[in-house]
Amino acid sequence: FARHTSGIDTALTLREGELPGTRSQRTVEDMMVRRKKGDLPSGITRV
């Protein structure tokens, strides 16, 4: 692995977009929607 990755230039621009297997790398914290105190979930309105 070290031999074949040593020649990869990590300074190159990273391609964007998800590929098979990349979505599963997201942690629970990444997937959670952070809300401010007092905000309501989507679809619920305050009366």
All heavy atoms as atom14 arrays in JSON, in Angstrom:
{
  "sequence": "FARHTSGIDTALTLREGELPGTRSQRTVEDMMVRRKKGDLPSGITRV",
  "atom14_mask": [
    [1, 1, 1, 1, 1, 1, 1, 1, 1, 1, 1, 0, 0, 0],
    [1, 1, 1, 1, 1, 0, 0, 0, 0, 0, 0, 0, 0, 0],
    [1, 1, 1, 1, 1, 1, 1, 1, 1, 1, 1, 0, 0, 0],
    [1, 1, 1, 1, 1, 1, 1, 1, 1, 1, 0, 0, 0, 0],
    [1, 1, 1, 1, 1, 1, 1, 0, 0, 0, 0, 0, 0, 0],
    [1, 1, 1, 1, 1, 1, 0, 0, 0, 0, 0, 0, 0, 0],
    [1, 1, 1, 1, 0, 0, 0, 0, 0, 0, 0, 0, 0, 0],
    [1, 1, 1, 1, 1, 1, 1, 1, 0, 0, 0, 0, 0, 0],
    [1, 1, 1, 1, 1, 1, 1, 1, 0, 0, 0, 0, 0, 0],
    [1, 1, 1, 1, 1, 1, 1, 0, 0, 0, 0, 0, 0, 0],
    [1, 1, 1, 1, 1, 0, 0, 0, 0, 0, 0, 0, 0, 0],
    [1, 1, 1, 1, 1, 1, 1, 1, 0, 0, 0, 0, 0, 0],
    [1, 1, 1, 1, 1, 1, 1, 0, 0, 0, 0, 0, 0, 0],
    [1, 1, 1, 1, 1, 1, 1, 1, 0, 0, 0, 0, 0, 0],
    [1, 1, 1, 1, 1, 1, 1, 1, 1, 1, 1, 0, 0, 0],
    [1, 1, 1, 1, 1, 1, 1, 1, 1, 0, 0, 0, 0, 0],
    [1, 1, 1, 1, 0, 0, 0, 0, 0, 0, 0, 0, 0, 0],
    [1, 1, 1, 1, 1, 1, 1, 1, 1, 0, 0, 0, 0, 0],
    [1, 1, 1, 1, 1, 1, 1, 1, 0, 0, 0, 0, 0, 0],
    [1, 1, 1, 1, 1, 1, 1, 0, 0, 0, 0, 0, 0, 0],
    [1, 1, 1, 1, 0, 0, 0, 0, 0, 0, 0, 0, 0, 0],
    [1, 1, 1, 1, 1, 1, 1, 0, 0, 0, 0, 0, 0, 0],
    [1, 1, 1, 1, 1, 1, 1, 1, 1, 1, 1, 0, 0, 0],
    [1, 1, 1, 1, 1, 1, 0, 0, 0, 0, 0, 0, 0, 0],
    [1, 1, 1, 1, 1, 1, 1, 1, 1, 0, 0, 0, 0, 0],
    [1, 1, 1, 1, 1, 1, 1, 1, 1, 1, 1, 0, 0, 0],
    [1, 1, 1, 1, 1, 1, 1, 0, 0, 0, 0, 0, 0, 0],
    [1, 1, 1, 1, 1, 1, 1, 0, 0, 0, 0, 0, 0, 0],
    [1, 1, 1, 1, 1, 1, 1, 1, 1, 0, 0, 0, 0, 0],
    [1, 1, 1, 1, 1, 1, 1, 1, 0, 0, 0, 0, 0, 0],
    [1, 1, 1, 1, 1, 1, 1, 1, 0, 0, 0, 0, 0, 0],
    [1, 1, 1, 1, 1, 1, 1, 1, 0, 0, 0, 0, 0, 0],
    [1, 1, 1, 1, 1, 1, 1, 0, 0, 0, 0, 0, 0, 0],
    [1, 1, 1, 1, 1, 1, 1, 1, 1, 1, 1, 0, 0, 0],
    [1, 1, 1, 1, 1, 1, 1, 1, 1, 1, 1, 0, 0, 0],
    [1, 1, 1, 1, 1, 1, 1, 1, 1, 0, 0, 0, 0, 0],
    [1, 1, 1, 1, 1, 1, 1, 1, 1, 0, 0, 0, 0, 0],
    [1, 1, 1, 1, 0, 0, 0, 0, 0, 0, 0, 0, 0, 0],
    [1, 1, 1, 1, 1, 1, 1, 1, 0, 0, 0, 0, 0, 0],
    [1, 1, 1, 1, 1, 1, 1, 1, 0, 0, 0, 0, 0, 0],
    [1, 1, 1, 1, 1, 1, 1, 0, 0, 0, 0, 0, 0, 0],
    [1, 1, 1, 1, 1, 1, 0, 0, 0, 0, 0, 0, 0, 0],
    [1, 1, 1, 1, 0, 0, 0, 0, 0, 0, 0, 0, 0, 0],
    [1, 1, 1, 1, 1, 1, 1, 1, 0, 0, 0, 0, 0, 0],
    [1, 1, 1, 1, 1, 1, 1, 0, 0, 0, 0, 0, 0, 0],
    [1, 1, 1, 1, 1, 1, 1, 1, 1, 1, 1, 0, 0, 0],
    [1, 1, 1, 1, 1, 1, 1, 0, 0, 0, 0, 0, 0, 0]
  ],
  "atom14_positions": [
    [[0.84, -1.2, 0.0], [0.0, 0.0, 0.0], [0.87, 1.25, 0.0], [0.61, 2.21, -0.73], [-0.92, 0.01, 1.22], [-2.25, -0.66, 1.01], [-2.38, -2.04, 1.11], [-3.38, 0.08, 0.71], [-3.6, -2.66, 0.92], [-4.61, -0.53, 0.51], [-4.72, -1.91, 0.62], [0.0, 0.0, 0.0], [0.0, 0.0, 0.0], [0.0, 0.0, 0.0]],
    [[1.91, 1.24, 0.83], [2.81, 2.4, 0.91], [3.5, 2.65, -0.42], [3.65, 3.79, -0.86], [3.83, 2.18, 2.03], [0.0, 0.0, 0.0], [0.0, 0.0, 0.0], [0.0, 0.0, 0.0], [0.0, 0.0, 0.0], [0.0, 0.0, 0.0], [0.0, 0.0, 0.0], [0.0, 0.0, 0.0], [0.0, 0.0, 0.0], [0.0, 0.0, 0.0]],
    [[3.91, 1.57, -1.07], [4.63, 1.71, -2.34], [3.76, 2.35, -3.41], [4.19, 3.24, -4.14], [5.1, 0.33, -2.81], [5.99, 0.41, -4.07], [6.1, -0.92, -4.77], [6.21, -2.05, -3.83], [5.87, -3.28, -4.15], [5.38, -3.55, -5.36], [6.0, -4.26, -3.28], [0.0, 0.0, 0.0], [0.0, 0.0, 0.0], [0.0, 0.0, 0.0]],
    [[2.52, 1.93, -3.5], [1.67, 2.4, -4.59], [0.94, 3.71, -4.29], [0.43, 4.35, -5.21], [0.67, 1.32, -4.97], [1.3, 0.12, -5.61], [2.07, 0.2, -6.75], [1.29, -1.19, -5.24], [2.5, -1.01, -7.07], [2.05, -1.86, -6.17], [0.0, 0.0, 0.0], [0.0, 0.0, 0.0], [0.0, 0.0, 0.0], [0.0, 0.0, 0.0]],
    [[0.89, 4.12, -3.03], [0.27, 5.41, -2.72], [1.3, 6.53, -2.58], [0.93, 7.7, -2.58], [-0.54, 5.34, -1.41], [0.33, 4.92, -0.33], [-1.7, 4.37, -1.54], [0.0, 0.0, 0.0], [0.0, 0.0, 0.0], [0.0, 0.0, 0.0], [0.0, 0.0, 0.0], [0.0, 0.0, 0.0], [0.0, 0.0, 0.0], [0.0, 0.0, 0.0]],
    [[2.56, 6.17, -2.5], [3.61, 7.18, -2.29], [3.72, 8.16, -3.47], [4.14, 9.31, -3.29], [4.96, 6.51, -2.05], [5.34, 5.75, -3.19], [0.0, 0.0, 0.0], [0.0, 0.0, 0.0], [0.0, 0.0, 0.0], [0.0, 0.0, 0.0], [0.0, 0.0, 0.0], [0.0, 0.0, 0.0], [0.0, 0.0, 0.0], [0.0, 0.0, 0.0]],
    [[3.34, 7.71, -4.66], [3.45, 8.58, -5.82], [2.23, 9.45, -6.06], [2.21, 10.26, -7.0], [0.0, 0.0, 0.0], [0.0, 0.0, 0.0], [0.0, 0.0, 0.0], [0.0, 0.0, 0.0], [0.0, 0.0, 0.0], [0.0, 0.0, 0.0], [0.0, 0.0, 0.0], [0.0, 0.0, 0.0], [0.0, 0.0, 0.0], [0.0, 0.0, 0.0]],
    [[1.2, 9.31, -5.23], [0.0, 10.13, -5.4], [0.23, 11.51, -4.8], [0.59, 11.65, -3.63], [-1.22, 9.46, -4.73], [-1.52, 8.12, -5.41], [-2.44, 10.37, -4.78], [-2.63, 7.32, -4.74], [0.0, 0.0, 0.0], [0.0, 0.0, 0.0], [0.0, 0.0, 0.0], [0.0, 0.0, 0.0], [0.0, 0.0, 0.0], [0.0, 0.0, 0.0]],
    [[0.04, 12.53, -5.61], [0.24, 13.91, -5.17], [-0.99, 14.37, -4.39], [-2.03, 14.68, -4.97], [0.47, 14.81, -6.39], [0.82, 16.25, -5.98], [0.84, 16.53, -4.77], [1.05, 17.07, -6.88], [0.0, 0.0, 0.0], [0.0, 0.0, 0.0], [0.0, 0.0, 0.0], [0.0, 0.0, 0.0], [0.0, 0.0, 0.0], [0.0, 0.0, 0.0]],
    [[-0.87, 14.41, -3.07], [-2.02, 14.79, -2.23], [-2.32, 16.28, -2.3], [-3.33, 16.72, -1.75], [-1.77, 14.38, -0.77], [-0.53, 14.94, -0.32], [-1.7, 12.87, -0.63], [0.0, 0.0, 0.0], [0.0, 0.0, 0.0], [0.0, 0.0, 0.0], [0.0, 0.0, 0.0], [0.0, 0.0, 0.0], [0.0, 0.0, 0.0], [0.0, 0.0, 0.0]],
    [[-1.48, 17.04, -2.99], [-1.74, 18.47, -3.15], [-2.71, 18.75, -4.3], [-3.18, 19.88, -4.47], [-0.43, 19.23, -3.38], [0.0, 0.0, 0.0], [0.0, 0.0, 0.0], [0.0, 0.0, 0.0], [0.0, 0.0, 0.0], [0.0, 0.0, 0.0], [0.0, 0.0, 0.0], [0.0, 0.0, 0.0], [0.0, 0.0, 0.0], [0.0, 0.0, 0.0]],
    [[-3.0, 17.73, -5.11], [-3.94, 17.9, -6.22], [-5.33, 18.23, -5.7], [-5.7, 17.88, -4.57], [-4.01, 16.63, -7.07], [-2.76, 16.28, -7.89], [-2.92, 14.9, -8.52], [-2.5, 17.32, -8.96], [0.0, 0.0, 0.0], [0.0, 0.0, 0.0], [0.0, 0.0, 0.0], [0.0, 0.0, 0.0], [0.0, 0.0, 0.0], [0.0, 0.0, 0.0]],
    [[-6.11, 18.89, -6.53], [-7.48, 19.25, -6.16], [-8.33, 17.99, -5.97], [-8.3, 17.09, -6.81], [-8.12, 20.13, -7.25], [-7.31, 21.3, -7.44], [-9.53, 20.55, -6.86], [0.0, 0.0, 0.0], [0.0, 0.0, 0.0], [0.0, 0.0, 0.0], [0.0, 0.0, 0.0], [0.0, 0.0, 0.0], [0.0, 0.0, 0.0], [0.0, 0.0, 0.0]],
    [[-9.07, 17.94, -4.88], [-9.92, 16.79, -4.62], [-11.21, 16.89, -5.44], [-11.83, 17.95, -5.51], [-10.29, 16.72, -3.13], [-9.25, 16.13, -2.18], [-9.71, 16.29, -0.75], [-9.01, 14.66, -2.49], [0.0, 0.0, 0.0], [0.0, 0.0, 0.0], [0.0, 0.0, 0.0], [0.0, 0.0, 0.0], [0.0, 0.0, 0.0], [0.0, 0.0, 0.0]],
    [[-11.61, 15.79, -6.04], [-12.88, 15.75, -6.75], [-14.03, 15.75, -5.75], [-13.96, 15.12, -4.71], [-12.97, 14.48, -7.62], [-12.3, 14.63, -8.96], [-12.71, 13.49, -9.87], [-12.23, 13.68, -11.22], [-12.48, 12.87, -12.24], [-13.21, 11.79, -12.04], [-12.02, 13.12, -13.44], [0.0, 0.0, 0.0], [0.0, 0.0, 0.0], [0.0, 0.0, 0.0]],
    [[-15.08, 16.47, -6.09], [-16.24, 16.53, -5.21], [-17.27, 15.48, -5.61], [-17.18, 14.89, -6.68], [-16.85, 17.93, -5.26], [-15.92, 19.03, -4.75], [-16.58, 20.39, -4.78], [-17.71, 20.5, -5.31], [-15.97, 21.34, -4.27], [0.0, 0.0, 0.0], [0.0, 0.0, 0.0], [0.0, 0.0, 0.0], [0.0, 0.0, 0.0], [0.0, 0.0, 0.0]],
    [[-18.25, 15.29, -4.75], [-19.33, 14.36, -5.04], [-19.14, 13.02, -4.34], [-18.01, 12.59, -4.11], [0.0, 0.0, 0.0], [0.0, 0.0, 0.0], [0.0, 0.0, 0.0], [0.0, 0.0, 0.0], [0.0, 0.0, 0.0], [0.0, 0.0, 0.0], [0.0, 0.0, 0.0], [0.0, 0.0, 0.0], [0.0, 0.0, 0.0], [0.0, 0.0, 0.0]],
    [[-20.25, 12.39, -3.99], [-20.19, 11.11, -3.3], [-20.05, 9.95, -4.28], [-20.56, 9.99, -5.39], [-21.45, 10.91, -2.45], [-21.53, 11.86, -1.26], [-22.7, 11.53, -0.36], [-23.69, 10.95, -0.85], [-22.62, 11.86, 0.84], [0.0, 0.0, 0.0], [0.0, 0.0, 0.0], [0.0, 0.0, 0.0], [0.0, 0.0, 0.0], [0.0, 0.0, 0.0]],
    [[-19.33, 8.94, -3.83], [-19.17, 7.7, -4.59], [-19.63, 6.53, -3.73], [-19.8, 6.7, -2.51], [-17.7, 7.51, -4.99], [-17.14, 8.39, -6.11], [-15.72, 7.97, -6.41], [-17.98, 8.31, -7.36], [0.0, 0.0, 0.0], [0.0, 0.0, 0.0], [0.0, 0.0, 0.0], [0.0, 0.0, 0.0], [0.0, 0.0, 0.0], [0.0, 0.0, 0.0]],
    [[-19.81, 5.36, -4.32], [-20.19, 4.19, -3.51], [-19.21, 3.98, -2.36], [-18.01, 3.92, -2.56], [-20.14, 3.04, -4.51], [-20.42, 3.68, -5.83], [-19.76, 5.02, -5.77], [0.0, 0.0, 0.0], [0.0, 0.0, 0.0], [0.0, 0.0, 0.0], [0.0, 0.0, 0.0], [0.0, 0.0, 0.0], [0.0, 0.0, 0.0], [0.0, 0.0, 0.0]],
    [[-19.72, 3.91, -1.15], [-18.86, 3.7, 0.01], [-18.51, 4.96, 0.76], [-18.12, 4.9, 1.93], [0.0, 0.0, 0.0], [0.0, 0.0, 0.0], [0.0, 0.0, 0.0], [0.0, 0.0, 0.0], [0.0, 0.0, 0.0], [0.0, 0.0, 0.0], [0.0, 0.0, 0.0], [0.0, 0.0, 0.0], [0.0, 0.0, 0.0], [0.0, 0.0, 0.0]],
    [[-18.65, 6.13, 0.12], [-18.26, 7.37, 0.81], [-19.35, 7.85, 1.73], [-19.07, 8.46, 2.75], [-17.92, 8.47, -0.2], [-19.07, 8.73, -1.04], [-16.75, 8.07, -1.08], [0.0, 0.0, 0.0], [0.0, 0.0, 0.0], [0.0, 0.0, 0.0], [0.0, 0.0, 0.0], [0.0, 0.0, 0.0], [0.0, 0.0, 0.0], [0.0, 0.0, 0.0]],
    [[-20.61, 7.59, 1.41], [-21.71, 8.05, 2.24], [-21.65, 7.43, 3.63], [-21.96, 8.05, 4.63], [-23.05, 7.71, 1.59], [-24.26, 8.25, 2.35], [-25.55, 7.78, 1.68], [-25.67, 8.27, 0.34], [-26.25, 9.44, 0.04], [-26.77, 10.19, 1.0], [-26.32, 9.85, -1.22], [0.0, 0.0, 0.0], [0.0, 0.0, 0.0], [0.0, 0.0, 0.0]],
    [[-21.22, 6.16, 3.71], [-21.19, 5.46, 5.0], [-20.13, 6.01, 5.94], [-20.11, 5.68, 7.11], [-20.93, 3.97, 4.77], [-19.67, 3.77, 4.15], [0.0, 0.0, 0.0], [0.0, 0.0, 0.0], [0.0, 0.0, 0.0], [0.0, 0.0, 0.0], [0.0, 0.0, 0.0], [0.0, 0.0, 0.0], [0.0, 0.0, 0.0], [0.0, 0.0, 0.0]],
    [[-19.24, 6.89, 5.45], [-18.2, 7.46, 6.3], [-18.73, 8.58, 7.18], [-18.08, 8.98, 8.13], [-17.06, 8.01, 5.43], [-16.32, 6.96, 4.64], [-15.11, 7.55, 3.97], [-14.01, 7.52, 4.51], [-15.27, 8.1, 2.8], [0.0, 0.0, 0.0], [0.0, 0.0, 0.0], [0.0, 0.0, 0.0], [0.0, 0.0, 0.0], [0.0, 0.0, 0.0]],
    [[-19.91, 9.11, 6.86], [-20.44, 10.21, 7.64], [-20.79, 9.73, 9.05], [-21.42, 8.71, 9.24], [-21.69, 10.78, 6.96], [-21.43, 11.35, 5.6], [-22.72, 11.78, 4.93], [-23.36, 12.85, 5.67], [-24.62, 13.23, 5.47], [-25.37, 12.6, 4.59], [-25.14, 14.22, 6.15], [0.0, 0.0, 0.0], [0.0, 0.0, 0.0], [0.0, 0.0, 0.0]],
    [[-20.35, 10.47, 10.03], [-20.62, 10.12, 11.41], [-22.03, 10.57, 11.78], [-22.68, 11.32, 11.07], [-19.62, 10.8, 12.35], [-19.77, 12.23, 12.23], [-18.18, 10.43, 11.97], [0.0, 0.0, 0.0], [0.0, 0.0, 0.0], [0.0, 0.0, 0.0], [0.0, 0.0, 0.0], [0.0, 0.0, 0.0], [0.0, 0.0, 0.0], [0.0, 0.0, 0.0]],
    [[-22.49, 10.1, 12.93], [-23.81, 10.51, 13.41], [-23.86, 12.02, 13.58], [-24.85, 12.68, 13.26], [-24.13, 9.8, 14.74], [-25.44, 10.33, 15.32], [-24.18, 8.3, 14.54], [0.0, 0.0, 0.0], [0.0, 0.0, 0.0], [0.0, 0.0, 0.0], [0.0, 0.0, 0.0], [0.0, 0.0, 0.0], [0.0, 0.0, 0.0], [0.0, 0.0, 0.0]],
    [[-22.76, 12.6, 14.07], [-22.71, 14.05, 14.28], [-22.84, 14.78, 12.96], [-23.47, 15.84, 12.88], [-21.39, 14.46, 14.96], [-21.29, 14.05, 16.43], [-20.99, 12.56, 16.59], [-20.63, 11.91, 15.59], [-21.12, 12.05, 17.72], [0.0, 0.0, 0.0], [0.0, 0.0, 0.0], [0.0, 0.0, 0.0], [0.0, 0.0, 0.0], [0.0, 0.0, 0.0]],
    [[-22.22, 14.22, 11.88], [-22.31, 14.86, 10.56], [-23.75, 14.85, 10.05], [-24.19, 15.78, 9.37], [-21.42, 14.13, 9.54], [-19.95, 14.3, 9.87], [-19.61, 15.32, 10.51], [-19.16, 13.43, 9.5], [0.0, 0.0, 0.0], [0.0, 0.0, 0.0], [0.0, 0.0, 0.0], [0.0, 0.0, 0.0], [0.0, 0.0, 0.0], [0.0, 0.0, 0.0]],
    [[-24.47, 13.75, 10.32], [-25.81, 13.61, 9.77], [-26.87, 14.35, 10.57], [-27.95, 14.62, 10.08], [-26.17, 12.11, 9.69], [-25.36, 11.36, 8.66], [-25.88, 9.64, 8.48], [-25.14, 8.91, 9.93], [0.0, 0.0, 0.0], [0.0, 0.0, 0.0], [0.0, 0.0, 0.0], [0.0, 0.0, 0.0], [0.0, 0.0, 0.0], [0.0, 0.0, 0.0]],
    [[-26.55, 14.69, 11.83], [-27.51, 15.41, 12.65], [-27.6, 16.86, 12.2], [-26.6, 17.5, 11.89], [-27.1, 15.37, 14.13], [-27.26, 14.01, 14.77], [-26.7, 13.98, 16.48], [-27.83, 15.14, 17.22], [0.0, 0.0, 0.0], [0.0, 0.0, 0.0], [0.0, 0.0, 0.0], [0.0, 0.0, 0.0], [0.0, 0.0, 0.0], [0.0, 0.0, 0.0]],
    [[-28.83, 17.37, 12.13], [-29.03, 18.77, 11.76], [-28.96, 19.61, 13.02], [-29.76, 19.43, 13.94], [-30.4, 18.97, 11.08], [-30.63, 20.43, 10.75], [-30.49, 18.1, 9.85], [0.0, 0.0, 0.0], [0.0, 0.0, 0.0], [0.0, 0.0, 0.0], [0.0, 0.0, 0.0], [0.0, 0.0, 0.0], [0.0, 0.0, 0.0], [0.0, 0.0, 0.0]],
    [[-28.0, 20.47, 13.07], [-27.85, 21.32, 14.24], [-28.88, 22.45, 14.19], [-29.0, 23.14, 13.19], [-26.43, 21.9, 14.3], [-25.36, 20.81, 14.42], [-23.98, 21.41, 14.57], [-22.96, 20.38, 14.64], [-22.62, 19.75, 15.76], [-23.25, 20.02, 16.88], [-21.69, 18.82, 15.75], [0.0, 0.0, 0.0], [0.0, 0.0, 0.0], [0.0, 0.0, 0.0]],
    [[-29.63, 22.63, 15.28], [-30.63, 23.67, 15.33], [-30.34, 24.61, 16.51], [-29.78, 24.21, 17.51], [-32.03, 23.06, 15.52], [-32.42, 22.08, 14.44], [-33.83, 21.57, 14.68], [-34.15, 20.49, 13.76], [-34.55, 20.67, 12.5], [-34.68, 21.91, 12.03], [-34.81, 19.65, 11.72], [0.0, 0.0, 0.0], [0.0, 0.0, 0.0], [0.0, 0.0, 0.0]],
    [[-30.78, 25.85, 16.35], [-30.65, 26.81, 17.43], [-31.74, 26.53, 18.47], [-32.78, 25.97, 18.15], [-30.81, 28.23, 16.89], [-29.7, 28.66, 15.96], [-29.92, 30.08, 15.48], [-28.82, 30.52, 14.53], [-29.05, 31.89, 14.03], [0.0, 0.0, 0.0], [0.0, 0.0, 0.0], [0.0, 0.0, 0.0], [0.0, 0.0, 0.0], [0.0, 0.0, 0.0]],
    [[-31.49, 26.93, 19.69], [-32.46, 26.74, 20.75], [-33.75, 27.45, 20.39], [-33.75, 28.62, 20.03], [-31.9, 27.27, 22.07], [-32.8, 26.99, 23.27], [-32.16, 27.48, 24.54], [-33.06, 27.19, 25.74], [-32.45, 27.67, 27.0], [0.0, 0.0, 0.0], [0.0, 0.0, 0.0], [0.0, 0.0, 0.0], [0.0, 0.0, 0.0], [0.0, 0.0, 0.0]],
    [[-34.85, 26.72, 20.46], [-36.15, 27.31, 20.14], [-36.62, 27.01, 18.74], [-37.79, 27.2, 18.42], [0.0, 0.0, 0.0], [0.0, 0.0, 0.0], [0.0, 0.0, 0.0], [0.0, 0.0, 0.0], [0.0, 0.0, 0.0], [0.0, 0.0, 0.0], [0.0, 0.0, 0.0], [0.0, 0.0, 0.0], [0.0, 0.0, 0.0], [0.0, 0.0, 0.0]],
    [[-35.71, 26.52, 17.86], [-36.11, 26.18, 16.49], [-36.97, 24.92, 16.51], [-36.76, 24.01, 17.31], [-34.89, 25.93, 15.61], [-34.2, 27.23, 15.24], [-34.76, 28.29, 15.55], [-33.12, 27.17, 14.63], [0.0, 0.0, 0.0], [0.0, 0.0, 0.0], [0.0, 0.0, 0.0], [0.0, 0.0, 0.0], [0.0, 0.0, 0.0], [0.0, 0.0, 0.0]],
    [[-37.95, 24.86, 15.6], [-38.82, 23.7, 15.49], [-38.39, 22.83, 14.32], [-37.82, 23.34, 13.35], [-40.28, 24.15, 15.3], [-40.91, 24.91, 16.47], [-42.31, 25.38, 16.08], [-40.98, 24.05, 17.71], [0.0, 0.0, 0.0], [0.0, 0.0, 0.0], [0.0, 0.0, 0.0], [0.0, 0.0, 0.0], [0.0, 0.0, 0.0], [0.0, 0.0, 0.0]],
    [[-38.65, 21.54, 14.37], [-38.33, 20.66, 13.24], [-39.06, 21.1, 11.98], [-40.1, 21.76, 12.04], [-38.81, 19.28, 13.71], [-38.85, 19.38, 15.2], [-39.21, 20.8, 15.51], [0.0, 0.0, 0.0], [0.0, 0.0, 0.0], [0.0, 0.0, 0.0], [0.0, 0.0, 0.0], [0.0, 0.0, 0.0], [0.0, 0.0, 0.0], [0.0, 0.0, 0.0]],
    [[-38.51, 20.68, 10.83], [-39.12, 21.03, 9.55], [-40.55, 20.5, 9.47], [-40.84, 19.37, 9.84], [-38.28, 20.44, 8.41], [-38.89, 20.69, 7.17], [0.0, 0.0, 0.0], [0.0, 0.0, 0.0], [0.0, 0.0, 0.0], [0.0, 0.0, 0.0], [0.0, 0.0, 0.0], [0.0, 0.0, 0.0], [0.0, 0.0, 0.0], [0.0, 0.0, 0.0]],
    [[-41.48, 21.34, 8.96], [-42.87, 20.92, 8.78], [-43.77, 21.28, 9.95], [-44.98, 21.12, 9.88], [0.0, 0.0, 0.0], [0.0, 0.0, 0.0], [0.0, 0.0, 0.0], [0.0, 0.0, 0.0], [0.0, 0.0, 0.0], [0.0, 0.0, 0.0], [0.0, 0.0, 0.0], [0.0, 0.0, 0.0], [0.0, 0.0, 0.0], [0.0, 0.0, 0.0]],
    [[-43.17, 21.78, 11.06], [-43.96, 22.17, 12.23], [-43.89, 23.68, 12.4], [-42.8, 24.25, 12.37], [-43.46, 21.46, 13.5], [-43.58, 19.95, 13.34], [-44.22, 21.93, 14.74], [-43.05, 19.16, 14.52], [0.0, 0.0, 0.0], [0.0, 0.0, 0.0], [0.0, 0.0, 0.0], [0.0, 0.0, 0.0], [0.0, 0.0, 0.0], [0.0, 0.0, 0.0]],
    [[-45.03, 24.3, 12.54], [-45.07, 25.76, 12.7], [-45.53, 26.13, 14.1], [-46.29, 25.39, 14.75], [-46.01, 26.4, 11.67], [-47.32, 25.82, 11.82], [-45.52, 26.15, 10.25], [0.0, 0.0, 0.0], [0.0, 0.0, 0.0], [0.0, 0.0, 0.0], [0.0, 0.0, 0.0], [0.0, 0.0, 0.0], [0.0, 0.0, 0.0], [0.0, 0.0, 0.0]],
    [[-45.09, 27.26, 14.58], [-45.45, 27.73, 15.91], [-46.73, 28.56, 15.81], [-46.86, 29.42, 14.95], [-44.31, 28.57, 16.49], [-44.5, 28.91, 17.97], [-43.35, 29.79, 18.45], [-42.08, 29.14, 18.29], [-41.57, 28.27, 19.16], [-42.26, 27.94, 20.24], [-40.4, 27.72, 18.95], [0.0, 0.0, 0.0], [0.0, 0.0, 0.0], [0.0, 0.0, 0.0]],
    [[-47.67, 28.27, 16.68], [-48.94, 29.0, 16.7], [-48.91, 30.01, 17.84], [-48.57, 29.67, 18.98], [-50.14, 28.04, 16.89], [-51.44, 28.82, 16.97], [-50.18, 27.06, 15.74], [0.0, 0.0, 0.0], [0.0, 0.0, 0.0], [0.0, 0.0, 0.0], [0.0, 0.0, 0.0], [0.0, 0.0, 0.0], [0.0, 0.0, 0.0], [0.0, 0.0, 0.0]]
  ]
}
